[in-house]
Amino acid sequence: EWRARLQRGDVIDALGQPVRDDSPYAPHLKIYYYRDPP
């Protein structure tokens, strides 16, 4: 599900840029993720 969210663009950084499946880890980076509630 996390990988599907990344592919859909449901995870972004503080500048609104999509986080990709291979985006390197960066401590202190603020990220946002959209949920798919039941």
PDB file of all heavy atoms in Angstrom:
ATOM      1  N   GLU A   1       0.824  -1.198   0.000  1.00  0.00           N
ATOM      2  CA  GLU A   1       0.000   0.000   0.000  1.00  0.00           C
ATOM      3  C   GLU A   1       0.866   1.258   0.000  1.00  0.00           C
ATOM      4  O   GLU A   1       0.561   2.223  -0.706  1.00  0.00           O
ATOM      5  CB  GLU A   1      -0.941  -0.005   1.206  1.00  0.00           C
ATOM      6  CG  GLU A   1      -1.737   1.290   1.414  1.00  0.00           C
ATOM      7  CD  GLU A   1      -2.626   1.674   0.241  1.00  0.00           C
ATOM      8  OE1 GLU A   1      -2.980   0.783  -0.562  1.00  0.00           O
ATOM      9  OE2 GLU A   1      -2.964   2.865   0.125  1.00  0.00           O
ATOM     10  N   TRP A   2       1.953   1.255   0.771  1.00  0.00           N
ATOM     11  CA  TRP A   2       2.855   2.405   0.754  1.00  0.00           C
ATOM     12  C   TRP A   2       3.436   2.628  -0.644  1.00  0.00           C
ATOM     13  O   TRP A   2       3.507   3.756  -1.131  1.00  0.00           O
ATOM     14  CB  TRP A   2       3.982   2.233   1.766  1.00  0.00           C
ATOM     15  CG  TRP A   2       3.613   2.651   3.158  1.00  0.00           C
ATOM     16  CD1 TRP A   2       3.597   1.883   4.277  1.00  0.00           C
ATOM     17  CD2 TRP A   2       3.208   3.962   3.575  1.00  0.00           C
ATOM     18  NE1 TRP A   2       3.199   2.612   5.369  1.00  0.00           N
ATOM     19  CE2 TRP A   2       2.957   3.901   4.970  1.00  0.00           C
ATOM     20  CE3 TRP A   2       3.015   5.176   2.910  1.00  0.00           C
ATOM     21  CZ2 TRP A   2       2.538   5.011   5.699  1.00  0.00           C
ATOM     22  CZ3 TRP A   2       2.604   6.283   3.639  1.00  0.00           C
ATOM     23  CH2 TRP A   2       2.372   6.201   5.010  1.00  0.00           C
ATOM     24  N   ARG A   3       3.833   1.540  -1.292  1.00  0.00           N
ATOM     25  CA  ARG A   3       4.424   1.689  -2.632  1.00  0.00           C
ATOM     26  C   ARG A   3       3.368   2.163  -3.634  1.00  0.00           C
ATOM     27  O   ARG A   3       3.671   2.968  -4.526  1.00  0.00           O
ATOM     28  CB  ARG A   3       5.063   0.379  -3.068  1.00  0.00           C
ATOM     29  CG  ARG A   3       6.186  -0.058  -2.121  1.00  0.00           C
ATOM     30  CD  ARG A   3       7.170  -1.022  -2.739  1.00  0.00           C
ATOM     31  NE  ARG A   3       8.165  -1.440  -1.757  1.00  0.00           N
ATOM     32  CZ  ARG A   3       9.246  -0.730  -1.417  1.00  0.00           C
ATOM     33  NH1 ARG A   3       9.471   0.445  -1.988  1.00  0.00           N
ATOM     34  NH2 ARG A   3      10.105  -1.195  -0.533  1.00  0.00           N
ATOM     35  N   ALA A   4       2.117   1.726  -3.438  1.00  0.00           N
ATOM     36  CA  ALA A   4       1.051   2.206  -4.317  1.00  0.00           C
ATOM     37  C   ALA A   4       0.796   3.697  -4.099  1.00  0.00           C
ATOM     38  O   ALA A   4       0.592   4.451  -5.065  1.00  0.00           O
ATOM     39  CB  ALA A   4      -0.226   1.402  -4.066  1.00  0.00           C
ATOM     40  N   ARG A   5       0.844   4.141  -2.832  1.00  0.00           N
ATOM     41  CA  ARG A   5       0.666   5.573  -2.551  1.00  0.00           C
ATOM     42  C   ARG A   5       1.777   6.393  -3.195  1.00  0.00           C
ATOM     43  O   ARG A   5       1.530   7.471  -3.753  1.00  0.00           O
ATOM     44  CB  ARG A   5       0.656   5.817  -1.039  1.00  0.00           C
ATOM     45  CG  ARG A   5      -0.549   5.279  -0.309  1.00  0.00           C
ATOM     46  CD  ARG A   5      -0.492   5.670   1.165  1.00  0.00           C
ATOM     47  NE  ARG A   5      -1.557   5.029   1.936  1.00  0.00           N
ATOM     48  CZ  ARG A   5      -1.777   5.249   3.231  1.00  0.00           C
ATOM     49  NH1 ARG A   5      -1.002   6.106   3.889  1.00  0.00           N
ATOM     50  NH2 ARG A   5      -2.751   4.630   3.868  1.00  0.00           N
ATOM     51  N   LEU A   6       3.003   5.910  -3.110  1.00  0.00           N
ATOM     52  CA  LEU A   6       4.133   6.614  -3.720  1.00  0.00           C
ATOM     53  C   LEU A   6       3.956   6.707  -5.231  1.00  0.00           C
ATOM     54  O   LEU A   6       4.214   7.747  -5.840  1.00  0.00           O
ATOM     55  CB  LEU A   6       5.438   5.909  -3.362  1.00  0.00           C
ATOM     56  CG  LEU A   6       5.859   6.022  -1.887  1.00  0.00           C
ATOM     57  CD1 LEU A   6       6.872   4.947  -1.536  1.00  0.00           C
ATOM     58  CD2 LEU A   6       6.422   7.406  -1.597  1.00  0.00           C
ATOM     59  N   GLN A   7       3.502   5.649  -5.854  1.00  0.00           N
ATOM     60  CA  GLN A   7       3.304   5.653  -7.307  1.00  0.00           C
ATOM     61  C   GLN A   7       2.174   6.594  -7.714  1.00  0.00           C
ATOM     62  O   GLN A   7       2.234   7.215  -8.787  1.00  0.00           O
ATOM     63  CB  GLN A   7       3.011   4.228  -7.795  1.00  0.00           C
ATOM     64  CG  GLN A   7       4.205   3.293  -7.685  1.00  0.00           C
ATOM     65  CD  GLN A   7       3.871   1.861  -8.063  1.00  0.00           C
ATOM     66  OE1 GLN A   7       2.740   1.569  -8.481  1.00  0.00           O
ATOM     67  NE2 GLN A   7       4.832   0.949  -7.925  1.00  0.00           N
ATOM     68  N   ARG A   8       1.168   6.745  -6.846  1.00  0.00           N
ATOM     69  CA  ARG A   8       0.038   7.635  -7.148  1.00  0.00           C
ATOM     70  C   ARG A   8       0.345   9.096  -6.857  1.00  0.00           C
ATOM     71  O   ARG A   8      -0.448   9.982  -7.161  1.00  0.00           O
ATOM     72  CB  ARG A   8      -1.197   7.228  -6.330  1.00  0.00           C
ATOM     73  CG  ARG A   8      -1.804   5.892  -6.663  1.00  0.00           C
ATOM     74  CD  ARG A   8      -3.202   5.776  -6.062  1.00  0.00           C
ATOM     75  NE  ARG A   8      -3.208   5.940  -4.614  1.00  0.00           N
ATOM     76  CZ  ARG A   8      -3.208   4.942  -3.742  1.00  0.00           C
ATOM     77  NH1 ARG A   8      -3.193   3.679  -4.180  1.00  0.00           N
ATOM     78  NH2 ARG A   8      -3.235   5.177  -2.440  1.00  0.00           N
ATOM     79  N   GLY A   9       1.483   9.365  -6.232  1.00  0.00           N
ATOM     80  CA  GLY A   9       1.796  10.735  -5.840  1.00  0.00           C
ATOM     81  C   GLY A   9       1.116  11.154  -4.559  1.00  0.00           C
ATOM     82  O   GLY A   9       0.923  12.352  -4.322  1.00  0.00           O
ATOM     83  N   ASP A  10       0.791  10.195  -3.702  1.00  0.00           N
ATOM     84  CA  ASP A  10       0.095  10.481  -2.457  1.00  0.00           C
ATOM     85  C   ASP A  10       1.044  10.822  -1.318  1.00  0.00           C
ATOM     86  O   ASP A  10       0.593  11.065  -0.195  1.00  0.00           O
ATOM     87  CB  ASP A  10      -0.773   9.282  -2.044  1.00  0.00           C
ATOM     88  CG  ASP A  10      -1.980   9.105  -2.946  1.00  0.00           C
ATOM     89  OD1 ASP A  10      -2.244  10.019  -3.752  1.00  0.00           O
ATOM     90  OD2 ASP A  10      -2.644   8.058  -2.851  1.00  0.00           O
ATOM     91  N   VAL A  11       2.348  10.817  -1.583  1.00  0.00           N
ATOM     92  CA  VAL A  11       3.341  11.230  -0.590  1.00  0.00           C
ATOM     93  C   VAL A  11       4.145  12.363  -1.207  1.00  0.00           C
ATOM     94  O   VAL A  11       4.700  12.220  -2.295  1.00  0.00           O
ATOM     95  CB  VAL A  11       4.277  10.064  -0.192  1.00  0.00           C
ATOM     96  CG1 VAL A  11       5.241  10.518   0.910  1.00  0.00           C
ATOM     97  CG2 VAL A  11       3.476   8.847   0.266  1.00  0.00           C
ATOM     98  N   ILE A  12       4.189  13.515  -0.515  1.00  0.00           N
ATOM     99  CA  ILE A  12       4.878  14.690  -1.048  1.00  0.00           C
ATOM    100  C   ILE A  12       5.762  15.298   0.035  1.00  0.00           C
ATOM    101  O   ILE A  12       5.571  15.035   1.233  1.00  0.00           O
ATOM    102  CB  ILE A  12       3.886  15.752  -1.564  1.00  0.00           C
ATOM    103  CG1 ILE A  12       2.950  16.205  -0.437  1.00  0.00           C
ATOM    104  CG2 ILE A  12       3.080  15.219  -2.744  1.00  0.00           C
ATOM    105  CD1 ILE A  12       2.002  17.319  -0.829  1.00  0.00           C
ATOM    106  N   ASP A  13       6.734  16.132  -0.403  1.00  0.00           N
ATOM    107  CA  ASP A  13       7.553  16.834   0.578  1.00  0.00           C
ATOM    108  C   ASP A  13       6.958  18.208   0.856  1.00  0.00           C
ATOM    109  O   ASP A  13       5.875  18.556   0.338  1.00  0.00           O
ATOM    110  CB  ASP A  13       9.013  16.922   0.110  1.00  0.00           C
ATOM    111  CG  ASP A  13       9.190  17.758  -1.162  1.00  0.00           C
ATOM    112  OD1 ASP A  13       8.306  18.584  -1.483  1.00  0.00           O
ATOM    113  OD2 ASP A  13      10.223  17.582  -1.835  1.00  0.00           O
ATOM    114  N   ALA A  14       7.641  19.010   1.676  1.00  0.00           N
ATOM    115  CA  ALA A  14       7.102  20.293   2.113  1.00  0.00           C
ATOM    116  C   ALA A  14       6.985  21.305   0.982  1.00  0.00           C
ATOM    117  O   ALA A  14       6.285  22.305   1.114  1.00  0.00           O
ATOM    118  CB  ALA A  14       7.953  20.862   3.238  1.00  0.00           C
ATOM    119  N   LEU A  15       7.667  21.052  -0.139  1.00  0.00           N
ATOM    120  CA  LEU A  15       7.563  21.934  -1.298  1.00  0.00           C
ATOM    121  C   LEU A  15       6.525  21.446  -2.293  1.00  0.00           C
ATOM    122  O   LEU A  15       6.380  22.015  -3.375  1.00  0.00           O
ATOM    123  CB  LEU A  15       8.929  22.055  -1.989  1.00  0.00           C
ATOM    124  CG  LEU A  15      10.029  22.729  -1.147  1.00  0.00           C
ATOM    125  CD1 LEU A  15      11.344  22.711  -1.910  1.00  0.00           C
ATOM    126  CD2 LEU A  15       9.643  24.150  -0.789  1.00  0.00           C
ATOM    127  N   GLY A  16       5.836  20.373  -1.927  1.00  0.00           N
ATOM    128  CA  GLY A  16       4.798  19.849  -2.803  1.00  0.00           C
ATOM    129  C   GLY A  16       5.302  18.918  -3.870  1.00  0.00           C
ATOM    130  O   GLY A  16       4.546  18.536  -4.775  1.00  0.00           O
ATOM    131  N   GLN A  17       6.583  18.502  -3.784  1.00  0.00           N
ATOM    132  CA  GLN A  17       7.145  17.599  -4.784  1.00  0.00           C
ATOM    133  C   GLN A  17       6.870  16.149  -4.402  1.00  0.00           C
ATOM    134  O   GLN A  17       6.989  15.781  -3.225  1.00  0.00           O
ATOM    135  CB  GLN A  17       8.652  17.820  -4.908  1.00  0.00           C
ATOM    136  CG  GLN A  17       9.025  19.230  -5.347  1.00  0.00           C
ATOM    137  CD  GLN A  17       8.393  19.592  -6.679  1.00  0.00           C
ATOM    138  OE1 GLN A  17       8.513  18.840  -7.654  1.00  0.00           O
ATOM    139  NE2 GLN A  17       7.716  20.735  -6.718  1.00  0.00           N
ATOM    140  N   PRO A  18       6.511  15.307  -5.371  1.00  0.00           N
ATOM    141  CA  PRO A  18       6.229  13.900  -5.058  1.00  0.00           C
ATOM    142  C   PRO A  18       7.459  13.178  -4.520  1.00  0.00           C
ATOM    143  O   PRO A  18       8.582  13.403  -4.988  1.00  0.00           O
ATOM    144  CB  PRO A  18       5.787  13.310  -6.399  1.00  0.00           C
ATOM    145  CG  PRO A  18       5.489  14.463  -7.276  1.00  0.00           C
ATOM    146  CD  PRO A  18       6.295  15.615  -6.799  1.00  0.00           C
ATOM    147  N   VAL A  19       7.252  12.350  -3.534  1.00  0.00           N
ATOM    148  CA  VAL A  19       8.294  11.452  -3.044  1.00  0.00           C
ATOM    149  C   VAL A  19       8.190  10.157  -3.839  1.00  0.00           C
ATOM    150  O   VAL A  19       7.119   9.555  -3.912  1.00  0.00           O
ATOM    151  CB  VAL A  19       8.125  11.182  -1.535  1.00  0.00           C
ATOM    152  CG1 VAL A  19       9.138  10.143  -1.063  1.00  0.00           C
ATOM    153  CG2 VAL A  19       8.266  12.484  -0.737  1.00  0.00           C
ATOM    154  N   ARG A  20       9.288   9.765  -4.459  1.00  0.00           N
ATOM    155  CA  ARG A  20       9.277   8.549  -5.294  1.00  0.00           C
ATOM    156  C   ARG A  20       9.644   7.331  -4.457  1.00  0.00           C
ATOM    157  O   ARG A  20      10.147   7.435  -3.333  1.00  0.00           O
ATOM    158  CB  ARG A  20      10.252   8.702  -6.459  1.00  0.00           C
ATOM    159  CG  ARG A  20       9.965   9.906  -7.360  1.00  0.00           C
ATOM    160  CD  ARG A  20      10.913   9.876  -8.562  1.00  0.00           C
ATOM    161  NE  ARG A  20      12.315   9.826  -8.146  1.00  0.00           N
ATOM    162  CZ  ARG A  20      13.049  10.903  -7.877  1.00  0.00           C
ATOM    163  NH1 ARG A  20      12.525  12.116  -7.966  1.00  0.00           N
ATOM    164  NH2 ARG A  20      14.309  10.762  -7.503  1.00  0.00           N
ATOM    165  N   ASP A  21       9.442   6.185  -5.044  1.00  0.00           N
ATOM    166  CA  ASP A  21       9.765   4.930  -4.363  1.00  0.00           C
ATOM    167  C   ASP A  21      11.258   4.831  -4.038  1.00  0.00           C
ATOM    168  O   ASP A  21      11.647   4.208  -3.055  1.00  0.00           O
ATOM    169  CB  ASP A  21       9.337   3.748  -5.245  1.00  0.00           C
ATOM    170  CG  ASP A  21       9.430   2.426  -4.509  1.00  0.00           C
ATOM    171  OD1 ASP A  21       8.688   2.253  -3.531  1.00  0.00           O
ATOM    172  OD2 ASP A  21      10.260   1.576  -4.908  1.00  0.00           O
ATOM    173  N   ASP A  22      12.101   5.478  -4.850  1.00  0.00           N
ATOM    174  CA  ASP A  22      13.548   5.402  -4.631  1.00  0.00           C
ATOM    175  C   ASP A  22      14.126   6.701  -4.075  1.00  0.00           C
ATOM    176  O   ASP A  22      15.348   6.877  -4.060  1.00  0.00           O
ATOM    177  CB  ASP A  22      14.268   5.033  -5.932  1.00  0.00           C
ATOM    178  CG  ASP A  22      14.024   6.069  -7.045  1.00  0.00           C
ATOM    179  OD1 ASP A  22      13.165   6.953  -6.845  1.00  0.00           O
ATOM    180  OD2 ASP A  22      14.687   5.966  -8.091  1.00  0.00           O
ATOM    181  N   SER A  23      13.296   7.619  -3.585  1.00  0.00           N
ATOM    182  CA  SER A  23      13.815   8.872  -3.032  1.00  0.00           C
ATOM    183  C   SER A  23      14.680   8.583  -1.810  1.00  0.00           C
ATOM    184  O   SER A  23      14.244   7.887  -0.878  1.00  0.00           O
ATOM    185  CB  SER A  23      12.655   9.792  -2.628  1.00  0.00           C
ATOM    186  OG  SER A  23      11.933  10.227  -3.761  1.00  0.00           O
ATOM    187  N   PRO A  24      15.922   9.093  -1.783  1.00  0.00           N
ATOM    188  CA  PRO A  24      16.819   8.801  -0.663  1.00  0.00           C
ATOM    189  C   PRO A  24      16.320   9.413   0.640  1.00  0.00           C
ATOM    190  O   PRO A  24      15.659  10.454   0.643  1.00  0.00           O
ATOM    191  CB  PRO A  24      18.149   9.433  -1.095  1.00  0.00           C
ATOM    192  CG  PRO A  24      17.768  10.483  -2.078  1.00  0.00           C
ATOM    193  CD  PRO A  24      16.564   9.966  -2.789  1.00  0.00           C
ATOM    194  N   TYR A  25      16.635   8.752   1.722  1.00  0.00           N
ATOM    195  CA  TYR A  25      16.216   9.225   3.038  1.00  0.00           C
ATOM    196  C   TYR A  25      16.972  10.494   3.400  1.00  0.00           C
ATOM    197  O   TYR A  25      18.179  10.603   3.159  1.00  0.00           O
ATOM    198  CB  TYR A  25      16.470   8.151   4.105  1.00  0.00           C
ATOM    199  CG  TYR A  25      15.855   8.490   5.438  1.00  0.00           C
ATOM    200  CD1 TYR A  25      14.505   8.272   5.664  1.00  0.00           C
ATOM    201  CD2 TYR A  25      16.615   9.054   6.464  1.00  0.00           C
ATOM    202  CE1 TYR A  25      13.915   8.594   6.878  1.00  0.00           C
ATOM    203  CE2 TYR A  25      16.038   9.380   7.677  1.00  0.00           C
ATOM    204  CZ  TYR A  25      14.679   9.148   7.880  1.00  0.00           C
ATOM    205  OH  TYR A  25      14.110   9.479   9.077  1.00  0.00           O
ATOM    206  N   ALA A  26      16.288  11.469   3.988  1.00  0.00           N
ATOM    207  CA  ALA A  26      16.892  12.744   4.377  1.00  0.00           C
ATOM    208  C   ALA A  26      16.349  13.142   5.744  1.00  0.00           C
ATOM    209  O   ALA A  26      15.202  13.589   5.838  1.00  0.00           O
ATOM    210  CB  ALA A  26      16.587  13.823   3.343  1.00  0.00           C
ATOM    211  N   PRO A  27      17.119  12.963   6.818  1.00  0.00           N
ATOM    212  CA  PRO A  27      16.634  13.330   8.158  1.00  0.00           C
ATOM    213  C   PRO A  27      16.167  14.778   8.213  1.00  0.00           C
ATOM    214  O   PRO A  27      16.725  15.656   7.549  1.00  0.00           O
ATOM    215  CB  PRO A  27      17.864  13.111   9.046  1.00  0.00           C
ATOM    216  CG  PRO A  27      18.686  12.102   8.309  1.00  0.00           C
ATOM    217  CD  PRO A  27      18.477  12.416   6.856  1.00  0.00           C
ATOM    218  N   HIS A  28      15.104  15.004   8.989  1.00  0.00           N
ATOM    219  CA  HIS A  28      14.512  16.317   9.248  1.00  0.00           C
ATOM    220  C   HIS A  28      13.661  16.847   8.090  1.00  0.00           C
ATOM    221  O   HIS A  28      13.142  17.951   8.175  1.00  0.00           O
ATOM    222  CB  HIS A  28      15.574  17.348   9.635  1.00  0.00           C
ATOM    223  CG  HIS A  28      16.532  16.858  10.673  1.00  0.00           C
ATOM    224  ND1 HIS A  28      16.122  16.447  11.929  1.00  0.00           N
ATOM    225  CD2 HIS A  28      17.878  16.660  10.631  1.00  0.00           C
ATOM    226  CE1 HIS A  28      17.171  16.042  12.625  1.00  0.00           C
ATOM    227  NE2 HIS A  28      18.242  16.151  11.861  1.00  0.00           N
ATOM    228  N   LEU A  29      13.517  16.068   7.032  1.00  0.00           N
ATOM    229  CA  LEU A  29      12.639  16.464   5.937  1.00  0.00           C
ATOM    230  C   LEU A  29      11.181  16.281   6.379  1.00  0.00           C
ATOM    231  O   LEU A  29      10.825  15.266   6.969  1.00  0.00           O
ATOM    232  CB  LEU A  29      12.913  15.611   4.703  1.00  0.00           C
ATOM    233  CG  LEU A  29      12.025  15.884   3.469  1.00  0.00           C
ATOM    234  CD1 LEU A  29      12.349  17.244   2.877  1.00  0.00           C
ATOM    235  CD2 LEU A  29      12.220  14.783   2.429  1.00  0.00           C
ATOM    236  N   LYS A  30      10.360  17.266   6.108  1.00  0.00           N
ATOM    237  CA  LYS A  30       8.934  17.154   6.410  1.00  0.00           C
ATOM    238  C   LYS A  30       8.220  16.564   5.202  1.00  0.00           C
ATOM    239  O   LYS A  30       8.401  17.050   4.083  1.00  0.00           O
ATOM    240  CB  LYS A  30       8.346  18.527   6.739  1.00  0.00           C
ATOM    241  CG  LYS A  30       6.853  18.491   7.097  1.00  0.00           C
ATOM    242  CD  LYS A  30       6.306  19.892   7.339  1.00  0.00           C
ATOM    243  CE  LYS A  30       6.824  20.467   8.636  1.00  0.00           C
ATOM    244  NZ  LYS A  30       6.178  21.774   8.955  1.00  0.00           N
ATOM    245  N   ILE A  31       7.454  15.528   5.430  1.00  0.00           N
ATOM    246  CA  ILE A  31       6.697  14.920   4.339  1.00  0.00           C
ATOM    247  C   ILE A  31       5.229  14.813   4.734  1.00  0.00           C
ATOM    248  O   ILE A  31       4.869  14.774   5.917  1.00  0.00           O
ATOM    249  CB  ILE A  31       7.235  13.532   3.947  1.00  0.00           C
ATOM    250  CG1 ILE A  31       7.118  12.544   5.114  1.00  0.00           C
ATOM    251  CG2 ILE A  31       8.671  13.619   3.439  1.00  0.00           C
ATOM    252  CD1 ILE A  31       7.411  11.117   4.707  1.00  0.00           C
ATOM    253  N   TYR A  32       4.378  14.781   3.717  1.00  0.00           N
ATOM    254  CA  TYR A  32       2.938  14.660   3.888  1.00  0.00           C
ATOM    255  C   TYR A  32       2.466  13.431   3.129  1.00  0.00           C
ATOM    256  O   TYR A  32       2.990  13.116   2.046  1.00  0.00           O
ATOM    257  CB  TYR A  32       2.221  15.891   3.337  1.00  0.00           C
ATOM    258  CG  TYR A  32       2.586  17.190   4.028  1.00  0.00           C
ATOM    259  CD1 TYR A  32       3.699  17.929   3.615  1.00  0.00           C
ATOM    260  CD2 TYR A  32       1.810  17.677   5.071  1.00  0.00           C
ATOM    261  CE1 TYR A  32       4.024  19.128   4.248  1.00  0.00           C
ATOM    262  CE2 TYR A  32       2.127  18.879   5.700  1.00  0.00           C
ATOM    263  CZ  TYR A  32       3.235  19.588   5.280  1.00  0.00           C
ATOM    264  OH  TYR A  32       3.552  20.768   5.902  1.00  0.00           O
ATOM    265  N   TYR A  33       1.492  12.747   3.684  1.00  0.00           N
ATOM    266  CA  TYR A  33       0.941  11.587   2.988  1.00  0.00           C
ATOM    267  C   TYR A  33      -0.580  11.570   3.119  1.00  0.00           C
ATOM    268  O   TYR A  33      -1.140  11.846   4.175  1.00  0.00           O
ATOM    269  CB  TYR A  33       1.548  10.270   3.506  1.00  0.00           C
ATOM    270  CG  TYR A  33       1.445  10.055   4.996  1.00  0.00           C
ATOM    271  CD1 TYR A  33       0.365   9.365   5.556  1.00  0.00           C
ATOM    272  CD2 TYR A  33       2.440  10.537   5.855  1.00  0.00           C
ATOM    273  CE1 TYR A  33       0.276   9.163   6.921  1.00  0.00           C
ATOM    274  CE2 TYR A  33       2.354  10.344   7.221  1.00  0.00           C
ATOM    275  CZ  TYR A  33       1.277   9.653   7.748  1.00  0.00           C
ATOM    276  OH  TYR A  33       1.181   9.469   9.109  1.00  0.00           O
ATOM    277  N   TYR A  34      -1.222  11.295   2.001  1.00  0.00           N
ATOM    278  CA  TYR A  34      -2.684  11.217   1.960  1.00  0.00           C
ATOM    279  C   TYR A  34      -3.120   9.793   2.270  1.00  0.00           C
ATOM    280  O   TYR A  34      -2.542   8.822   1.758  1.00  0.00           O
ATOM    281  CB  TYR A  34      -3.196  11.631   0.582  1.00  0.00           C
ATOM    282  CG  TYR A  34      -2.995  13.099   0.285  1.00  0.00           C
ATOM    283  CD1 TYR A  34      -1.829  13.554  -0.330  1.00  0.00           C
ATOM    284  CD2 TYR A  34      -3.958  14.038   0.623  1.00  0.00           C
ATOM    285  CE1 TYR A  34      -1.638  14.906  -0.597  1.00  0.00           C
ATOM    286  CE2 TYR A  34      -3.782  15.385   0.362  1.00  0.00           C
ATOM    287  CZ  TYR A  34      -2.611  15.813  -0.250  1.00  0.00           C
ATOM    288  OH  TYR A  34      -2.425  17.144  -0.509  1.00  0.00           O
ATOM    289  N   ARG A  35      -4.126   9.698   3.105  1.00  0.00           N
ATOM    290  CA  ARG A  35      -4.634   8.383   3.503  1.00  0.00           C
ATOM    291  C   ARG A  35      -5.776   7.938   2.601  1.00  0.00           C
ATOM    292  O   ARG A  35      -6.417   8.755   1.944  1.00  0.00           O
ATOM    293  CB  ARG A  35      -5.117   8.445   4.953  1.00  0.00           C
ATOM    294  CG  ARG A  35      -4.021   8.691   5.967  1.00  0.00           C
ATOM    295  CD  ARG A  35      -4.600   9.021   7.323  1.00  0.00           C
ATOM    296  NE  ARG A  35      -5.256  10.324   7.331  1.00  0.00           N
ATOM    297  CZ  ARG A  35      -6.076  10.737   8.290  1.00  0.00           C
ATOM    298  NH1 ARG A  35      -6.384   9.937   9.289  1.00  0.00           N
ATOM    299  NH2 ARG A  35      -6.633  11.936   8.222  1.00  0.00           N
ATOM    300  N   ASP A  36      -5.991   6.664   2.602  1.00  0.00           N
ATOM    301  CA  ASP A  36      -7.118   6.079   1.873  1.00  0.00           C
ATOM    302  C   ASP A  36      -8.022   5.425   2.910  1.00  0.00           C
ATOM    303  O   ASP A  36      -7.932   4.227   3.166  1.00  0.00           O
ATOM    304  CB  ASP A  36      -6.618   5.049   0.859  1.00  0.00           C
ATOM    305  CG  ASP A  36      -7.741   4.537  -0.028  1.00  0.00           C
ATOM    306  OD1 ASP A  36      -8.802   5.172  -0.049  1.00  0.00           O
ATOM    307  OD2 ASP A  36      -7.541   3.502  -0.704  1.00  0.00           O
ATOM    308  N   PRO A  37      -8.884   6.234   3.558  1.00  0.00           N
ATOM    309  CA  PRO A  37      -9.656   5.709   4.687  1.00  0.00           C
ATOM    310  C   PRO A  37     -10.695   4.686   4.247  1.00  0.00           C
ATOM    311  O   PRO A  37     -11.169   4.713   3.106  1.00  0.00           O
ATOM    312  CB  PRO A  37     -10.331   6.958   5.260  1.00  0.00           C
ATOM    313  CG  PRO A  37     -10.430   7.888   4.088  1.00  0.00           C
ATOM    314  CD  PRO A  37      -9.205   7.629   3.261  1.00  0.00           C
ATOM    315  N   PRO A  38     -11.061   3.785   5.156  1.00  0.00           N
ATOM    316  CA  PRO A  38     -12.094   2.804   4.831  1.00  0.00           C
ATOM    317  C   PRO A  38     -13.454   3.472   4.732  1.00  0.00           C
ATOM    318  O   PRO A  38     -13.642   4.608   5.197  1.00  0.00           O
ATOM    319  CB  PRO A  38     -12.034   1.841   6.026  1.00  0.00           C
ATOM    320  CG  PRO A  38     -11.510   2.672   7.151  1.00  0.00           C
ATOM    321  CD  PRO A  38     -10.541   3.629   6.526  1.00  0.00           C
TER     322      PRO A  38
END
